[in-house]
Amino acid sequence: MPEPVVALFAKYPHPGKAKTRLIPALGPSGAAHVHRLLVERTIATIRASGLAFDVWFTGAERADFAEWLGDDVTLVDQGEGDLGARLTRVGGPAILLGADVPDLAPRHLRDAASALERRDAVIGPASDGGYYLLGFNRRLPFLFTDMPWGTDAVLAETLQRLSQAGVEPAMIDELEDCDRPADLARWPELLP
């Protein structure tokens, strides 16, 4: 089985369009600043893991992302549709990842990759009831259709759907994500 490719889903850090739930605390520019730092930090973490990766981008042109992240980053357009439709486009083996988990370490990514040597799926649960990482050896489109994204039911629903399909996922460490103003107290280094 080939090693999975990390698919980092990233939005361009336009003020007012990135990390919008942080705007009440930081304003549009401050929230965009936090998002920019999180994406850059996540890419550094992926590089340190040694795994191959692509940045699946949205919110700006490919050239804008290349100027921001560098010409050595493989960029893939997320395309149209809701989050589920965009996630479904990633082929396996892959590890889907967002950029809102400041405590993500290279070992989490390596743990996920090694879990895929033994299992068809791996999940990194988030403490808010979702997940920060989902890895798979083959496409599992049933995980992305009609999912209650952004709620505390995402992980439970994902586990139920995997169980119905006869897939027993490996689980790696639970981590916190940085989505709401209250989350910022954990990571003061992100503040503008």
N, C-alpha and C. Protein backbone atom coordinates (compact mmCIF):
# COMPACT_ATOMS: atom_id res chain seq x y z
N MET A 1 0.85 -1.19 0.00
CA MET A 1 0.00 0.00 0.00
C MET A 1 0.89 1.25 0.00
N PRO A 2 0.65 2.19 -0.93
CA PRO A 2 1.45 3.41 -0.92
C PRO A 2 1.17 4.25 0.34
N GLU A 3 2.14 5.07 0.71
CA GLU A 3 1.97 5.93 1.88
C GLU A 3 0.90 6.98 1.58
N PRO A 4 0.07 7.32 2.57
CA PRO A 4 -0.97 8.31 2.32
C PRO A 4 -0.39 9.70 2.10
N VAL A 5 -1.12 10.48 1.32
CA VAL A 5 -0.78 11.89 1.09
C VAL A 5 -1.67 12.73 1.99
N VAL A 6 -1.09 13.67 2.70
CA VAL A 6 -1.89 14.57 3.53
C VAL A 6 -2.55 15.60 2.62
N ALA A 7 -3.86 15.72 2.75
CA ALA A 7 -4.63 16.72 2.01
C ALA A 7 -5.04 17.81 3.00
N LEU A 8 -4.30 18.91 3.00
CA LEU A 8 -4.60 20.02 3.90
C LEU A 8 -5.60 20.95 3.22
N PHE A 9 -6.76 21.10 3.83
CA PHE A 9 -7.80 21.99 3.30
C PHE A 9 -7.59 23.37 3.89
N ALA A 10 -7.39 24.36 3.01
CA ALA A 10 -7.06 25.71 3.47
C ALA A 10 -7.81 26.76 2.67
N LYS A 11 -8.27 27.74 3.39
CA LYS A 11 -8.94 28.91 2.81
C LYS A 11 -7.93 30.05 2.81
N TYR A 12 -8.05 30.94 1.83
CA TYR A 12 -7.16 32.09 1.79
C TYR A 12 -7.50 33.04 2.94
N PRO A 13 -6.51 33.64 3.61
CA PRO A 13 -6.78 34.48 4.79
C PRO A 13 -7.24 35.90 4.45
N HIS A 14 -8.34 36.00 3.73
CA HIS A 14 -8.93 37.32 3.47
C HIS A 14 -9.64 37.80 4.74
N PRO A 15 -9.41 39.03 5.20
CA PRO A 15 -10.15 39.56 6.35
C PRO A 15 -11.66 39.50 6.08
N GLY A 16 -12.38 38.97 7.06
CA GLY A 16 -13.83 38.85 6.94
C GLY A 16 -14.31 37.54 6.35
N LYS A 17 -13.37 36.74 5.79
CA LYS A 17 -13.77 35.47 5.16
C LYS A 17 -13.08 34.26 5.78
N ALA A 18 -12.14 34.48 6.68
CA ALA A 18 -11.41 33.37 7.31
C ALA A 18 -11.59 33.46 8.82
N LYS A 19 -11.80 32.29 9.44
CA LYS A 19 -11.96 32.23 10.90
C LYS A 19 -13.04 33.21 11.37
N THR A 20 -14.18 33.19 10.72
CA THR A 20 -15.23 34.19 10.99
C THR A 20 -15.77 34.11 12.42
N ARG A 21 -15.70 32.93 13.05
CA ARG A 21 -16.20 32.84 14.43
C ARG A 21 -15.29 33.56 15.42
N LEU A 22 -14.07 33.91 14.97
CA LEU A 22 -13.15 34.67 15.83
C LEU A 22 -13.29 36.18 15.65
N ILE A 23 -14.05 36.60 14.63
CA ILE A 23 -14.17 38.03 14.34
C ILE A 23 -14.71 38.84 15.53
N PRO A 24 -15.72 38.35 16.29
CA PRO A 24 -16.19 39.16 17.42
C PRO A 24 -15.09 39.50 18.43
N ALA A 25 -14.09 38.62 18.57
CA ALA A 25 -13.02 38.86 19.54
C ALA A 25 -11.84 39.62 18.92
N LEU A 26 -11.55 39.36 17.64
CA LEU A 26 -10.31 39.87 17.05
C LEU A 26 -10.50 40.85 15.90
N GLY A 27 -11.74 40.97 15.42
CA GLY A 27 -11.98 41.77 14.21
C GLY A 27 -11.60 40.97 12.97
N PRO A 28 -12.03 41.42 11.79
CA PRO A 28 -11.75 40.66 10.56
C PRO A 28 -10.27 40.45 10.28
N SER A 29 -9.45 41.48 10.46
CA SER A 29 -8.02 41.35 10.18
C SER A 29 -7.33 40.43 11.18
N GLY A 30 -7.71 40.54 12.45
CA GLY A 30 -7.12 39.69 13.48
C GLY A 30 -7.45 38.23 13.28
N ALA A 31 -8.70 37.95 12.91
CA ALA A 31 -9.11 36.56 12.65
C ALA A 31 -8.37 36.01 11.45
N ALA A 32 -8.20 36.83 10.40
CA ALA A 32 -7.45 36.39 9.21
C ALA A 32 -5.99 36.12 9.57
N HIS A 33 -5.43 36.96 10.45
CA HIS A 33 -4.05 36.77 10.91
C HIS A 33 -3.90 35.41 11.60
N VAL A 34 -4.84 35.07 12.48
CA VAL A 34 -4.79 33.78 13.18
C VAL A 34 -4.86 32.64 12.17
N HIS A 35 -5.74 32.77 11.18
CA HIS A 35 -5.87 31.72 10.17
C HIS A 35 -4.56 31.56 9.39
N ARG A 36 -3.96 32.67 8.99
CA ARG A 36 -2.69 32.62 8.25
C ARG A 36 -1.63 31.88 9.07
N LEU A 37 -1.51 32.23 10.35
CA LEU A 37 -0.53 31.56 11.22
C LEU A 37 -0.82 30.07 11.34
N LEU A 38 -2.10 29.72 11.49
CA LEU A 38 -2.45 28.31 11.66
C LEU A 38 -2.12 27.50 10.41
N VAL A 39 -2.39 28.04 9.23
CA VAL A 39 -2.06 27.33 7.99
C VAL A 39 -0.54 27.15 7.88
N GLU A 40 0.20 28.22 8.14
CA GLU A 40 1.66 28.13 8.04
C GLU A 40 2.23 27.15 9.06
N ARG A 41 1.68 27.17 10.26
CA ARG A 41 2.13 26.26 11.32
C ARG A 41 1.82 24.81 10.95
N THR A 42 0.63 24.59 10.37
CA THR A 42 0.24 23.23 9.99
C THR A 42 1.13 22.70 8.87
N ILE A 43 1.46 23.54 7.90
CA ILE A 43 2.36 23.10 6.82
C ILE A 43 3.73 22.74 7.39
N ALA A 44 4.24 23.53 8.32
CA ALA A 44 5.52 23.21 8.95
C ALA A 44 5.46 21.87 9.67
N THR A 45 4.34 21.60 10.32
CA THR A 45 4.15 20.33 11.03
C THR A 45 4.12 19.16 10.04
N ILE A 46 3.40 19.34 8.93
CA ILE A 46 3.34 18.27 7.92
C ILE A 46 4.73 18.01 7.35
N ARG A 47 5.46 19.08 7.03
CA ARG A 47 6.82 18.91 6.50
C ARG A 47 7.68 18.13 7.49
N ALA A 48 7.56 18.46 8.78
CA ALA A 48 8.36 17.78 9.80
C ALA A 48 7.99 16.30 9.94
N SER A 49 6.77 15.94 9.56
CA SER A 49 6.34 14.54 9.64
C SER A 49 6.99 13.68 8.58
N GLY A 50 7.45 14.31 7.50
CA GLY A 50 8.05 13.57 6.39
C GLY A 50 7.05 13.04 5.39
N LEU A 51 5.75 13.27 5.62
CA LEU A 51 4.73 12.79 4.69
C LEU A 51 4.56 13.76 3.53
N ALA A 52 4.21 13.22 2.37
CA ALA A 52 3.88 14.06 1.23
C ALA A 52 2.56 14.76 1.51
N PHE A 53 2.39 15.96 0.91
CA PHE A 53 1.13 16.68 1.14
C PHE A 53 0.78 17.55 -0.06
N ASP A 54 -0.51 17.83 -0.14
CA ASP A 54 -1.07 18.79 -1.09
C ASP A 54 -1.90 19.78 -0.29
N VAL A 55 -1.93 21.02 -0.72
CA VAL A 55 -2.84 22.00 -0.13
C VAL A 55 -4.04 22.14 -1.07
N TRP A 56 -5.20 21.77 -0.56
CA TRP A 56 -6.45 21.91 -1.30
C TRP A 56 -6.99 23.29 -0.95
N PHE A 57 -6.99 24.18 -1.94
CA PHE A 57 -7.21 25.59 -1.66
C PHE A 57 -8.59 26.09 -2.11
N THR A 58 -9.02 27.18 -1.45
CA THR A 58 -10.24 27.87 -1.83
C THR A 58 -10.13 29.32 -1.34
N GLY A 59 -10.90 30.19 -1.96
CA GLY A 59 -10.97 31.58 -1.49
C GLY A 59 -10.06 32.54 -2.21
N ALA A 60 -9.24 32.05 -3.12
CA ALA A 60 -8.35 32.91 -3.90
C ALA A 60 -7.82 32.09 -5.08
N GLU A 61 -7.11 32.76 -5.95
CA GLU A 61 -6.53 32.09 -7.12
C GLU A 61 -5.30 31.28 -6.71
N ARG A 62 -4.98 30.30 -7.53
CA ARG A 62 -3.79 29.47 -7.32
C ARG A 62 -2.54 30.35 -7.16
N ALA A 63 -2.41 31.40 -7.98
CA ALA A 63 -1.24 32.27 -7.92
C ALA A 63 -1.11 32.96 -6.56
N ASP A 64 -2.25 33.33 -5.96
CA ASP A 64 -2.21 33.97 -4.64
C ASP A 64 -1.69 32.98 -3.59
N PHE A 65 -2.13 31.74 -3.67
CA PHE A 65 -1.65 30.72 -2.74
C PHE A 65 -0.17 30.42 -2.96
N ALA A 66 0.24 30.35 -4.23
CA ALA A 66 1.65 30.08 -4.53
C ALA A 66 2.53 31.21 -3.99
N GLU A 67 2.08 32.45 -4.13
CA GLU A 67 2.84 33.58 -3.61
C GLU A 67 2.95 33.51 -2.09
N TRP A 68 1.84 33.10 -1.43
CA TRP A 68 1.82 33.00 0.03
C TRP A 68 2.65 31.82 0.53
N LEU A 69 2.40 30.63 -0.02
CA LEU A 69 2.96 29.39 0.54
C LEU A 69 4.23 28.91 -0.13
N GLY A 70 4.52 29.45 -1.31
CA GLY A 70 5.74 29.05 -2.02
C GLY A 70 5.44 28.15 -3.20
N ASP A 71 6.35 28.18 -4.15
CA ASP A 71 6.18 27.40 -5.38
C ASP A 71 6.38 25.91 -5.18
N ASP A 72 6.95 25.51 -4.04
CA ASP A 72 7.21 24.09 -3.81
C ASP A 72 6.01 23.35 -3.20
N VAL A 73 4.91 24.06 -2.99
CA VAL A 73 3.71 23.45 -2.41
C VAL A 73 2.77 23.06 -3.55
N THR A 74 2.36 21.78 -3.57
CA THR A 74 1.40 21.32 -4.57
C THR A 74 0.02 21.83 -4.20
N LEU A 75 -0.60 22.55 -5.12
CA LEU A 75 -1.91 23.16 -4.87
C LEU A 75 -2.97 22.47 -5.70
N VAL A 76 -4.09 22.14 -5.04
CA VAL A 76 -5.23 21.50 -5.70
C VAL A 76 -6.46 22.34 -5.39
N ASP A 77 -7.18 22.75 -6.42
CA ASP A 77 -8.40 23.55 -6.23
C ASP A 77 -9.48 22.67 -5.60
N GLN A 78 -10.07 23.13 -4.49
CA GLN A 78 -11.14 22.36 -3.84
C GLN A 78 -12.37 22.22 -4.73
N GLY A 79 -12.60 23.17 -5.62
CA GLY A 79 -13.77 23.10 -6.47
C GLY A 79 -15.02 23.61 -5.76
N GLU A 80 -16.13 23.44 -6.43
CA GLU A 80 -17.41 23.96 -5.93
C GLU A 80 -18.08 22.98 -4.99
N GLY A 81 -19.13 23.45 -4.32
CA GLY A 81 -19.95 22.59 -3.48
C GLY A 81 -19.69 22.80 -2.00
N ASP A 82 -20.49 22.10 -1.21
CA ASP A 82 -20.33 22.19 0.25
C ASP A 82 -19.08 21.41 0.68
N LEU A 83 -18.77 21.47 1.96
CA LEU A 83 -17.57 20.80 2.46
C LEU A 83 -17.57 19.33 2.09
N GLY A 84 -18.70 18.66 2.25
CA GLY A 84 -18.76 17.23 1.93
C GLY A 84 -18.41 16.95 0.48
N ALA A 85 -18.93 17.74 -0.44
CA ALA A 85 -18.64 17.55 -1.86
C ALA A 85 -17.16 17.75 -2.14
N ARG A 86 -16.55 18.73 -1.47
CA ARG A 86 -15.13 19.01 -1.69
C ARG A 86 -14.24 17.91 -1.10
N LEU A 87 -14.60 17.40 0.09
CA LEU A 87 -13.82 16.33 0.71
C LEU A 87 -13.89 15.04 -0.11
N THR A 88 -15.04 14.79 -0.73
CA THR A 88 -15.24 13.57 -1.51
C THR A 88 -14.27 13.47 -2.68
N ARG A 89 -13.75 14.58 -3.15
CA ARG A 89 -12.85 14.58 -4.32
C ARG A 89 -11.46 14.01 -4.03
N VAL A 90 -11.11 13.90 -2.75
CA VAL A 90 -9.77 13.41 -2.40
C VAL A 90 -9.74 11.89 -2.53
N GLY A 91 -8.80 11.39 -3.34
CA GLY A 91 -8.65 9.94 -3.47
C GLY A 91 -7.75 9.37 -2.39
N GLY A 92 -7.76 8.06 -2.24
CA GLY A 92 -6.95 7.42 -1.21
C GLY A 92 -5.70 6.79 -1.78
N PRO A 93 -4.76 6.41 -0.95
CA PRO A 93 -4.78 6.66 0.49
C PRO A 93 -4.45 8.12 0.80
N ALA A 94 -5.20 8.67 1.75
CA ALA A 94 -5.05 10.08 2.08
C ALA A 94 -5.36 10.32 3.55
N ILE A 95 -4.85 11.44 4.04
CA ILE A 95 -5.18 11.92 5.38
C ILE A 95 -5.72 13.33 5.20
N LEU A 96 -7.01 13.50 5.47
CA LEU A 96 -7.65 14.82 5.39
C LEU A 96 -7.35 15.59 6.66
N LEU A 97 -7.04 16.87 6.48
CA LEU A 97 -6.61 17.68 7.61
C LEU A 97 -7.07 19.11 7.42
N GLY A 98 -7.50 19.74 8.51
CA GLY A 98 -7.78 21.16 8.50
C GLY A 98 -6.62 21.88 9.18
N ALA A 99 -6.66 23.20 9.16
CA ALA A 99 -5.54 23.98 9.70
C ALA A 99 -5.89 24.65 11.03
N ASP A 100 -6.83 24.08 11.78
CA ASP A 100 -7.26 24.77 13.00
C ASP A 100 -6.92 24.00 14.27
N VAL A 101 -5.81 23.24 14.23
CA VAL A 101 -5.41 22.42 15.38
C VAL A 101 -3.98 22.79 15.78
N PRO A 102 -3.83 23.82 16.61
CA PRO A 102 -2.48 24.30 16.95
C PRO A 102 -1.58 23.27 17.62
N ASP A 103 -2.16 22.29 18.32
CA ASP A 103 -1.34 21.30 19.02
C ASP A 103 -0.96 20.11 18.14
N LEU A 104 -1.35 20.12 16.87
CA LEU A 104 -0.98 19.03 15.96
C LEU A 104 0.54 18.92 15.91
N ALA A 105 1.04 17.70 16.06
CA ALA A 105 2.48 17.44 16.02
C ALA A 105 2.78 16.44 14.91
N PRO A 106 4.02 16.41 14.44
CA PRO A 106 4.38 15.44 13.40
C PRO A 106 4.01 14.01 13.77
N ARG A 107 4.14 13.66 15.04
CA ARG A 107 3.84 12.28 15.45
C ARG A 107 2.37 11.92 15.22
N HIS A 108 1.44 12.90 15.32
CA HIS A 108 0.03 12.59 15.06
C HIS A 108 -0.14 12.15 13.61
N LEU A 109 0.55 12.82 12.70
CA LEU A 109 0.45 12.46 11.29
C LEU A 109 1.12 11.12 11.02
N ARG A 110 2.27 10.89 11.63
CA ARG A 110 2.93 9.59 11.45
C ARG A 110 2.11 8.46 12.06
N ASP A 111 1.48 8.73 13.23
CA ASP A 111 0.60 7.72 13.84
C ASP A 111 -0.56 7.38 12.91
N ALA A 112 -1.13 8.41 12.28
CA ALA A 112 -2.25 8.18 11.36
C ALA A 112 -1.79 7.36 10.16
N ALA A 113 -0.62 7.70 9.61
CA ALA A 113 -0.11 6.96 8.45
C ALA A 113 0.16 5.50 8.81
N SER A 114 0.75 5.27 9.97
CA SER A 114 1.03 3.87 10.33
C SER A 114 -0.25 3.11 10.65
N ALA A 115 -1.26 3.80 11.18
CA ALA A 115 -2.55 3.13 11.43
C ALA A 115 -3.17 2.64 10.13
N LEU A 116 -2.95 3.38 9.04
CA LEU A 116 -3.52 2.98 7.75
C LEU A 116 -2.82 1.75 7.16
N GLU A 117 -1.72 1.33 7.75
CA GLU A 117 -1.10 0.07 7.33
C GLU A 117 -1.89 -1.12 7.86
N ARG A 118 -2.68 -0.89 8.92
CA ARG A 118 -3.42 -1.97 9.56
C ARG A 118 -4.94 -1.84 9.41
N ARG A 119 -5.40 -0.63 9.20
CA ARG A 119 -6.85 -0.37 9.14
C ARG A 119 -7.18 0.40 7.88
N ASP A 120 -8.47 0.37 7.50
CA ASP A 120 -8.92 1.10 6.31
C ASP A 120 -9.18 2.57 6.59
N ALA A 121 -9.29 2.93 7.88
CA ALA A 121 -9.58 4.33 8.22
C ALA A 121 -8.93 4.66 9.56
N VAL A 122 -8.65 5.95 9.75
CA VAL A 122 -8.11 6.44 11.01
C VAL A 122 -8.74 7.79 11.29
N ILE A 123 -9.02 8.05 12.57
CA ILE A 123 -9.65 9.31 12.97
C ILE A 123 -8.86 9.95 14.09
N GLY A 124 -8.66 11.26 13.97
CA GLY A 124 -8.13 12.06 15.06
C GLY A 124 -9.29 12.85 15.62
N PRO A 125 -9.88 12.44 16.74
CA PRO A 125 -11.05 13.12 17.28
C PRO A 125 -10.72 14.49 17.85
N ALA A 126 -11.62 15.42 17.68
CA ALA A 126 -11.49 16.75 18.28
C ALA A 126 -12.36 16.78 19.53
N SER A 127 -11.95 17.56 20.51
CA SER A 127 -12.67 17.57 21.78
C SER A 127 -14.06 18.20 21.67
N ASP A 128 -14.35 18.86 20.55
CA ASP A 128 -15.67 19.49 20.39
C ASP A 128 -16.71 18.56 19.76
N GLY A 129 -16.36 17.27 19.57
CA GLY A 129 -17.32 16.32 19.01
C GLY A 129 -17.16 16.11 17.52
N GLY A 130 -16.16 16.75 16.93
CA GLY A 130 -15.86 16.52 15.52
C GLY A 130 -14.56 15.74 15.40
N TYR A 131 -13.88 15.93 14.29
CA TYR A 131 -12.56 15.35 14.14
C TYR A 131 -11.66 16.35 13.43
N TYR A 132 -10.36 16.26 13.73
CA TYR A 132 -9.40 17.15 13.09
C TYR A 132 -8.66 16.43 11.96
N LEU A 133 -8.76 15.10 11.94
CA LEU A 133 -8.04 14.31 10.96
C LEU A 133 -8.88 13.09 10.60
N LEU A 134 -8.93 12.78 9.33
CA LEU A 134 -9.60 11.56 8.86
C LEU A 134 -8.75 10.97 7.76
N GLY A 135 -8.27 9.76 7.96
CA GLY A 135 -7.46 9.10 6.96
C GLY A 135 -8.18 7.87 6.42
N PHE A 136 -7.89 7.53 5.17
CA PHE A 136 -8.53 6.36 4.56
C PHE A 136 -7.64 5.82 3.45
N ASN A 137 -7.77 4.52 3.21
CA ASN A 137 -7.02 3.87 2.13
C ASN A 137 -7.77 3.92 0.81
N ARG A 138 -9.08 3.99 0.87
CA ARG A 138 -9.92 4.08 -0.33
C ARG A 138 -11.01 5.10 -0.05
N ARG A 139 -11.56 5.64 -1.11
CA ARG A 139 -12.61 6.66 -0.94
C ARG A 139 -13.76 6.11 -0.11
N LEU A 140 -14.25 6.95 0.80
CA LEU A 140 -15.41 6.61 1.64
C LEU A 140 -16.42 7.75 1.53
N PRO A 141 -17.03 7.94 0.34
CA PRO A 141 -17.87 9.12 0.11
C PRO A 141 -19.09 9.20 1.04
N PHE A 142 -19.53 8.06 1.58
CA PHE A 142 -20.68 8.06 2.49
C PHE A 142 -20.39 8.82 3.78
N LEU A 143 -19.13 9.13 4.05
CA LEU A 143 -18.79 9.89 5.26
C LEU A 143 -19.01 11.39 5.09
N PHE A 144 -19.26 11.84 3.87
CA PHE A 144 -19.28 13.28 3.62
C PHE A 144 -20.63 13.81 3.15
N THR A 145 -21.57 12.93 2.86
CA THR A 145 -22.87 13.35 2.35
C THR A 145 -23.83 13.61 3.52
N ASP A 146 -24.51 14.72 3.48
CA ASP A 146 -25.51 15.06 4.52
C ASP A 146 -24.95 14.95 5.92
N MET A 147 -23.72 15.40 6.12
CA MET A 147 -23.09 15.39 7.45
C MET A 147 -23.43 16.71 8.14
N PRO A 148 -23.75 16.67 9.43
CA PRO A 148 -24.06 17.90 10.16
C PRO A 148 -22.78 18.67 10.53
N TRP A 149 -22.07 19.17 9.50
CA TRP A 149 -20.79 19.84 9.70
C TRP A 149 -20.91 20.97 10.72
N GLY A 150 -19.85 21.16 11.50
CA GLY A 150 -19.81 22.26 12.46
C GLY A 150 -20.59 22.00 13.73
N THR A 151 -21.04 20.76 13.93
CA THR A 151 -21.79 20.43 15.15
C THR A 151 -20.99 19.41 15.97
N ASP A 152 -21.48 19.17 17.20
CA ASP A 152 -20.80 18.19 18.05
C ASP A 152 -21.21 16.76 17.72
N ALA A 153 -21.98 16.56 16.63
CA ALA A 153 -22.45 15.24 16.23
C ALA A 153 -21.61 14.61 15.13
N VAL A 154 -20.62 15.34 14.61
CA VAL A 154 -19.88 14.86 13.44
C VAL A 154 -19.14 13.56 13.73
N LEU A 155 -18.40 13.50 14.84
CA LEU A 155 -17.64 12.29 15.14
C LEU A 155 -18.56 11.09 15.34
N ALA A 156 -19.60 11.26 16.14
CA ALA A 156 -20.53 10.15 16.41
C ALA A 156 -21.17 9.66 15.12
N GLU A 157 -21.58 10.58 14.27
CA GLU A 157 -22.20 10.21 13.00
C GLU A 157 -21.20 9.50 12.10
N THR A 158 -19.96 9.97 12.08
CA THR A 158 -18.91 9.34 11.27
C THR A 158 -18.66 7.91 11.74
N LEU A 159 -18.54 7.72 13.06
CA LEU A 159 -18.31 6.38 13.61
C LEU A 159 -19.47 5.45 13.29
N GLN A 160 -20.69 5.97 13.37
CA GLN A 160 -21.87 5.15 13.07
C GLN A 160 -21.86 4.72 11.60
N ARG A 161 -21.55 5.64 10.71
CA ARG A 161 -21.53 5.32 9.28
C ARG A 161 -20.43 4.31 8.96
N LEU A 162 -19.26 4.46 9.58
CA LEU A 162 -18.19 3.49 9.37
C LEU A 162 -18.60 2.11 9.87
N SER A 163 -19.23 2.06 11.03
CA SER A 163 -19.68 0.80 11.59
C SER A 163 -20.68 0.11 10.65
N GLN A 164 -21.62 0.89 10.12
CA GLN A 164 -22.61 0.32 9.19
C GLN A 164 -21.94 -0.23 7.93
N ALA A 165 -20.80 0.35 7.55
CA ALA A 165 -20.07 -0.11 6.37
C ALA A 165 -19.07 -1.22 6.70
N GLY A 166 -19.01 -1.62 7.98
CA GLY A 166 -18.08 -2.67 8.38
C GLY A 166 -16.63 -2.22 8.45
N VAL A 167 -16.42 -0.92 8.64
CA VAL A 167 -15.07 -0.38 8.73
C VAL A 167 -14.80 0.01 10.18
N GLU A 168 -13.76 -0.60 10.77
CA GLU A 168 -13.39 -0.25 12.15
C GLU A 168 -12.17 0.66 12.10
N PRO A 169 -12.37 1.96 12.40
CA PRO A 169 -11.24 2.88 12.29
C PRO A 169 -10.28 2.79 13.47
N ALA A 170 -9.03 3.11 13.22
CA ALA A 170 -8.08 3.33 14.30
C ALA A 170 -8.34 4.74 14.83
N MET A 171 -8.08 4.95 16.11
CA MET A 171 -8.25 6.27 16.71
C MET A 171 -6.89 6.73 17.23
N ILE A 172 -6.55 7.99 16.94
CA ILE A 172 -5.32 8.57 17.49
C ILE A 172 -5.71 9.61 18.53
N ASP A 173 -4.74 10.34 19.06
CA ASP A 173 -4.98 11.29 20.16
C ASP A 173 -6.08 12.29 19.85
N GLU A 174 -6.88 12.58 20.88
CA GLU A 174 -7.85 13.66 20.78
C GLU A 174 -7.13 14.99 20.98
N LEU A 175 -7.48 15.98 20.16
CA LEU A 175 -6.90 17.31 20.27
C LEU A 175 -7.99 18.38 20.26
N GLU A 176 -7.62 19.57 20.71
CA GLU A 176 -8.52 20.73 20.70
C GLU A 176 -8.33 21.47 19.39
N ASP A 177 -9.43 22.03 18.86
CA ASP A 177 -9.25 22.91 17.72
C ASP A 177 -9.51 24.35 18.13
N CYS A 178 -9.07 25.26 17.31
CA CYS A 178 -9.16 26.69 17.59
C CYS A 178 -10.21 27.30 16.66
N ASP A 179 -11.43 27.39 17.16
CA ASP A 179 -12.54 27.88 16.34
C ASP A 179 -13.24 29.10 16.93
N ARG A 180 -13.33 29.14 18.26
CA ARG A 180 -14.15 30.16 18.93
C ARG A 180 -13.27 31.08 19.76
N PRO A 181 -13.78 32.28 20.07
CA PRO A 181 -12.98 33.21 20.88
C PRO A 181 -12.46 32.60 22.18
N ALA A 182 -13.26 31.76 22.84
CA ALA A 182 -12.83 31.16 24.11
C ALA A 182 -11.62 30.26 23.92
N ASP A 183 -11.44 29.71 22.71
CA ASP A 183 -10.31 28.81 22.44
C ASP A 183 -8.97 29.54 22.44
N LEU A 184 -9.00 30.84 22.19
CA LEU A 184 -7.75 31.60 22.02
C LEU A 184 -6.88 31.63 23.27
N ALA A 185 -7.51 31.50 24.45
CA ALA A 185 -6.75 31.55 25.69
C ALA A 185 -5.69 30.44 25.76
N ARG A 186 -5.95 29.33 25.08
CA ARG A 186 -5.00 28.20 25.08
C ARG A 186 -3.73 28.51 24.28
N TRP A 187 -3.85 29.40 23.28
CA TRP A 187 -2.74 29.64 22.37
C TRP A 187 -2.49 31.13 22.20
N PRO A 188 -1.99 31.81 23.25
CA PRO A 188 -1.78 33.25 23.16
C PRO A 188 -0.78 33.65 22.07
N GLU A 189 0.08 32.71 21.67
CA GLU A 189 1.07 33.04 20.63
C GLU A 189 0.43 33.27 19.28
N LEU A 190 -0.84 32.88 19.13
CA LEU A 190 -1.54 33.11 17.85
C LEU A 190 -2.13 34.51 17.74
N LEU A 191 -2.25 35.19 18.87
CA LEU A 191 -2.94 36.49 18.86
C LEU A 191 -2.13 37.54 18.12
N PRO A 192 -2.83 38.39 17.36
CA PRO A 192 -2.11 39.46 16.63
C PRO A 192 -1.53 40.48 17.59
